[in-house]
Amino acid sequence: MQHTLHASDVATRRFAPVAPVAQASRTPYHALGTDSAPRIPAWAEHRSVYRGSGRTLYLVETKNLDAAGNDLQRLSAGGWDVRVERSADSARVALMAA
């Protein structure tokens, strides 16, 4: 369905503000941040970035996976492929744009 927006529509209607989409998803840290400022969570103790074949892998190691839960759910809901590999005392989180 296509809708044509006329100048009179803009003058008489109020539109909800739209959050920037492209900037927020550049990296998982931008997706977790506000506006265009990235946020590095405290649980992300060791971070690495690997690039190749047009894809970027963000690898994060943490000893506090419980603290990462909400952030990882938010990233997954925002279109990031989130994979967690647990070991006895830590976890490795792989993040890729889906």
C-alpha atoms as a PDB file:
ATOM      1  CA  MET A   1       0.000   0.000   0.000  1.00  0.00           C
ATOM      2  CA  GLN A   2       1.337   3.392  -0.961  1.00  0.00           C
ATOM      3  CA  HIS A   3       0.323   6.684   0.617  1.00  0.00           C
ATOM      4  CA  THR A   4       1.148  10.100  -0.758  1.00  0.00           C
ATOM      5  CA  LEU A   5       2.039  12.679   1.859  1.00  0.00           C
ATOM      6  CA  HIS A   6       0.989  16.217   0.968  1.00  0.00           C
ATOM      7  CA  ALA A   7       2.422  19.422   2.437  1.00  0.00           C
ATOM      8  CA  SER A   8      -0.942  20.143   4.073  1.00  0.00           C
ATOM      9  CA  ASP A   9      -0.705  16.812   5.928  1.00  0.00           C
ATOM     10  CA  VAL A  10       2.599  17.839   7.479  1.00  0.00           C
ATOM     11  CA  ALA A  11       1.254  21.220   8.539  1.00  0.00           C
ATOM     12  CA  THR A  12      -1.839  19.830  10.252  1.00  0.00           C
ATOM     13  CA  ARG A  13      -0.640  16.555  11.790  1.00  0.00           C
ATOM     14  CA  ARG A  14       1.717  15.743  14.589  1.00  0.00           C
ATOM     15  CA  PHE A  15       4.116  12.907  13.999  1.00  0.00           C
ATOM     16  CA  ALA A  16       5.883  10.910  16.681  1.00  0.00           C
ATOM     17  CA  PRO A  17       9.655  11.395  16.694  1.00  0.00           C
ATOM     18  CA  VAL A  18      11.520   8.628  14.939  1.00  0.00           C
ATOM     19  CA  ALA A  19      14.703   7.235  16.480  1.00  0.00           C
ATOM     20  CA  PRO A  20      17.647   6.849  14.095  1.00  0.00           C
ATOM     21  CA  VAL A  21      17.833   3.236  12.963  1.00  0.00           C
ATOM     22  CA  ALA A  22      20.965   2.944  10.823  1.00  0.00           C
ATOM     23  CA  GLN A  23      23.264   4.604  13.337  1.00  0.00           C
ATOM     24  CA  ALA A  24      21.999   2.581  16.295  1.00  0.00           C
ATOM     25  CA  SER A  25      22.877  -0.756  14.732  1.00  0.00           C
ATOM     26  CA  ARG A  26      26.387  -0.089  13.405  1.00  0.00           C
ATOM     27  CA  THR A  27      27.835  -2.113  16.253  1.00  0.00           C
ATOM     28  CA  PRO A  28      26.260  -3.939  19.178  1.00  0.00           C
ATOM     29  CA  TYR A  29      27.627  -1.175  21.395  1.00  0.00           C
ATOM     30  CA  HIS A  30      25.771   1.462  19.354  1.00  0.00           C
ATOM     31  CA  ALA A  31      22.628  -0.681  19.583  1.00  0.00           C
ATOM     32  CA  LEU A  32      22.930  -0.659  23.392  1.00  0.00           C
ATOM     33  CA  GLY A  33      23.668   3.061  23.577  1.00  0.00           C
ATOM     34  CA  THR A  34      21.487   6.102  23.241  1.00  0.00           C
ATOM     35  CA  ASP A  35      21.314   8.421  20.237  1.00  0.00           C
ATOM     36  CA  SER A  36      24.553   7.793  18.348  1.00  0.00           C
ATOM     37  CA  ALA A  37      26.759   7.248  21.412  1.00  0.00           C
ATOM     38  CA  PRO A  38      27.885   3.651  21.962  1.00  0.00           C
ATOM     39  CA  ARG A  39      27.683   2.005  25.388  1.00  0.00           C
ATOM     40  CA  ILE A  40      30.243  -0.572  26.501  1.00  0.00           C
ATOM     41  CA  PRO A  41      28.563  -2.614  29.245  1.00  0.00           C
ATOM     42  CA  ALA A  42      30.498  -3.406  32.419  1.00  0.00           C
ATOM     43  CA  TRP A  43      29.971  -7.148  31.879  1.00  0.00           C
ATOM     44  CA  ALA A  44      31.937  -6.997  28.587  1.00  0.00           C
ATOM     45  CA  GLU A  45      35.332  -7.632  30.159  1.00  0.00           C
ATOM     46  CA  HIS A  46      37.359  -8.690  27.104  1.00  0.00           C
ATOM     47  CA  ARG A  47      36.245  -7.579  23.631  1.00  0.00           C
ATOM     48  CA  SER A  48      37.561  -8.554  20.204  1.00  0.00           C
ATOM     49  CA  VAL A  49      36.447  -7.725  16.668  1.00  0.00           C
ATOM     50  CA  TYR A  50      37.045  -9.951  13.643  1.00  0.00           C
ATOM     51  CA  ARG A  51      36.251  -8.822  10.102  1.00  0.00           C
ATOM     52  CA  GLY A  52      36.105 -10.935   6.958  1.00  0.00           C
ATOM     53  CA  SER A  53      33.955 -11.808   3.956  1.00  0.00           C
ATOM     54  CA  GLY A  54      31.775  -8.753   4.445  1.00  0.00           C
ATOM     55  CA  ARG A  55      30.808  -9.797   7.984  1.00  0.00           C
ATOM     56  CA  THR A  56      31.973  -8.579  11.373  1.00  0.00           C
ATOM     57  CA  LEU A  57      32.092 -10.786  14.458  1.00  0.00           C
ATOM     58  CA  TYR A  58      32.141  -9.187  17.900  1.00  0.00           C
ATOM     59  CA  LEU A  59      33.477 -11.612  20.495  1.00  0.00           C
ATOM     60  CA  VAL A  60      32.973 -10.743  24.159  1.00  0.00           C
ATOM     61  CA  GLU A  61      34.266 -12.699  27.138  1.00  0.00           C
ATOM     62  CA  THR A  62      32.659 -12.275  30.530  1.00  0.00           C
ATOM     63  CA  LYS A  63      32.604 -13.831  33.972  1.00  0.00           C
ATOM     64  CA  ASN A  64      29.221 -12.270  34.705  1.00  0.00           C
ATOM     65  CA  LEU A  65      26.761 -13.712  32.186  1.00  0.00           C
ATOM     66  CA  ASP A  66      23.828 -12.998  34.511  1.00  0.00           C
ATOM     67  CA  ALA A  67      24.505  -9.265  34.223  1.00  0.00           C
ATOM     68  CA  ALA A  68      24.542  -9.571  30.422  1.00  0.00           C
ATOM     69  CA  GLY A  69      21.073 -11.116  30.172  1.00  0.00           C
ATOM     70  CA  ASN A  70      18.994  -7.999  29.508  1.00  0.00           C
ATOM     71  CA  ASP A  71      21.535  -6.557  27.073  1.00  0.00           C
ATOM     72  CA  LEU A  72      21.743  -9.818  25.124  1.00  0.00           C
ATOM     73  CA  GLN A  73      17.944 -10.035  24.892  1.00  0.00           C
ATOM     74  CA  ARG A  74      17.829  -6.442  23.660  1.00  0.00           C
ATOM     75  CA  LEU A  75      20.474  -7.155  21.006  1.00  0.00           C
ATOM     76  CA  SER A  76      18.675 -10.290  19.859  1.00  0.00           C
ATOM     77  CA  ALA A  77      15.375  -8.415  19.595  1.00  0.00           C
ATOM     78  CA  GLY A  78      17.194  -5.688  17.644  1.00  0.00           C
ATOM     79  CA  GLY A  79      18.307  -8.088  14.936  1.00  0.00           C
ATOM     80  CA  TRP A  80      21.692  -9.254  16.220  1.00  0.00           C
ATOM     81  CA  ASP A  81      22.638 -12.929  16.083  1.00  0.00           C
ATOM     82  CA  VAL A  82      23.618 -13.704  19.693  1.00  0.00           C
ATOM     83  CA  ARG A  83      25.398 -16.959  20.541  1.00  0.00           C
ATOM     84  CA  VAL A  84      26.657 -17.871  24.001  1.00  0.00           C
ATOM     85  CA  GLU A  85      29.262 -20.508  24.803  1.00  0.00           C
ATOM     86  CA  ARG A  86      29.555 -21.216  28.527  1.00  0.00           C
ATOM     87  CA  SER A  87      32.487 -22.671  30.401  1.00  0.00           C
ATOM     88  CA  ALA A  88      32.904 -23.439  34.100  1.00  0.00           C
ATOM     89  CA  ASP A  89      33.621 -19.891  35.264  1.00  0.00           C
ATOM     90  CA  SER A  90      33.051 -17.655  32.228  1.00  0.00           C
ATOM     91  CA  ALA A  91      31.200 -17.268  28.951  1.00  0.00           C
ATOM     92  CA  ARG A  92      32.061 -16.252  25.426  1.00  0.00           C
ATOM     93  CA  VAL A  93      29.422 -14.249  23.556  1.00  0.00           C
ATOM     94  CA  ALA A  94      29.510 -14.003  19.757  1.00  0.00           C
ATOM     95  CA  LEU A  95      27.552 -11.153  18.160  1.00  0.00           C
ATOM     96  CA  MET A  96      26.921 -10.715  14.433  1.00  0.00           C
ATOM     97  CA  ALA A  97      24.486  -8.513  12.561  1.00  0.00           C
ATOM     98  CA  ALA A  98      21.739 -10.821  11.309  1.00  0.00           C
END
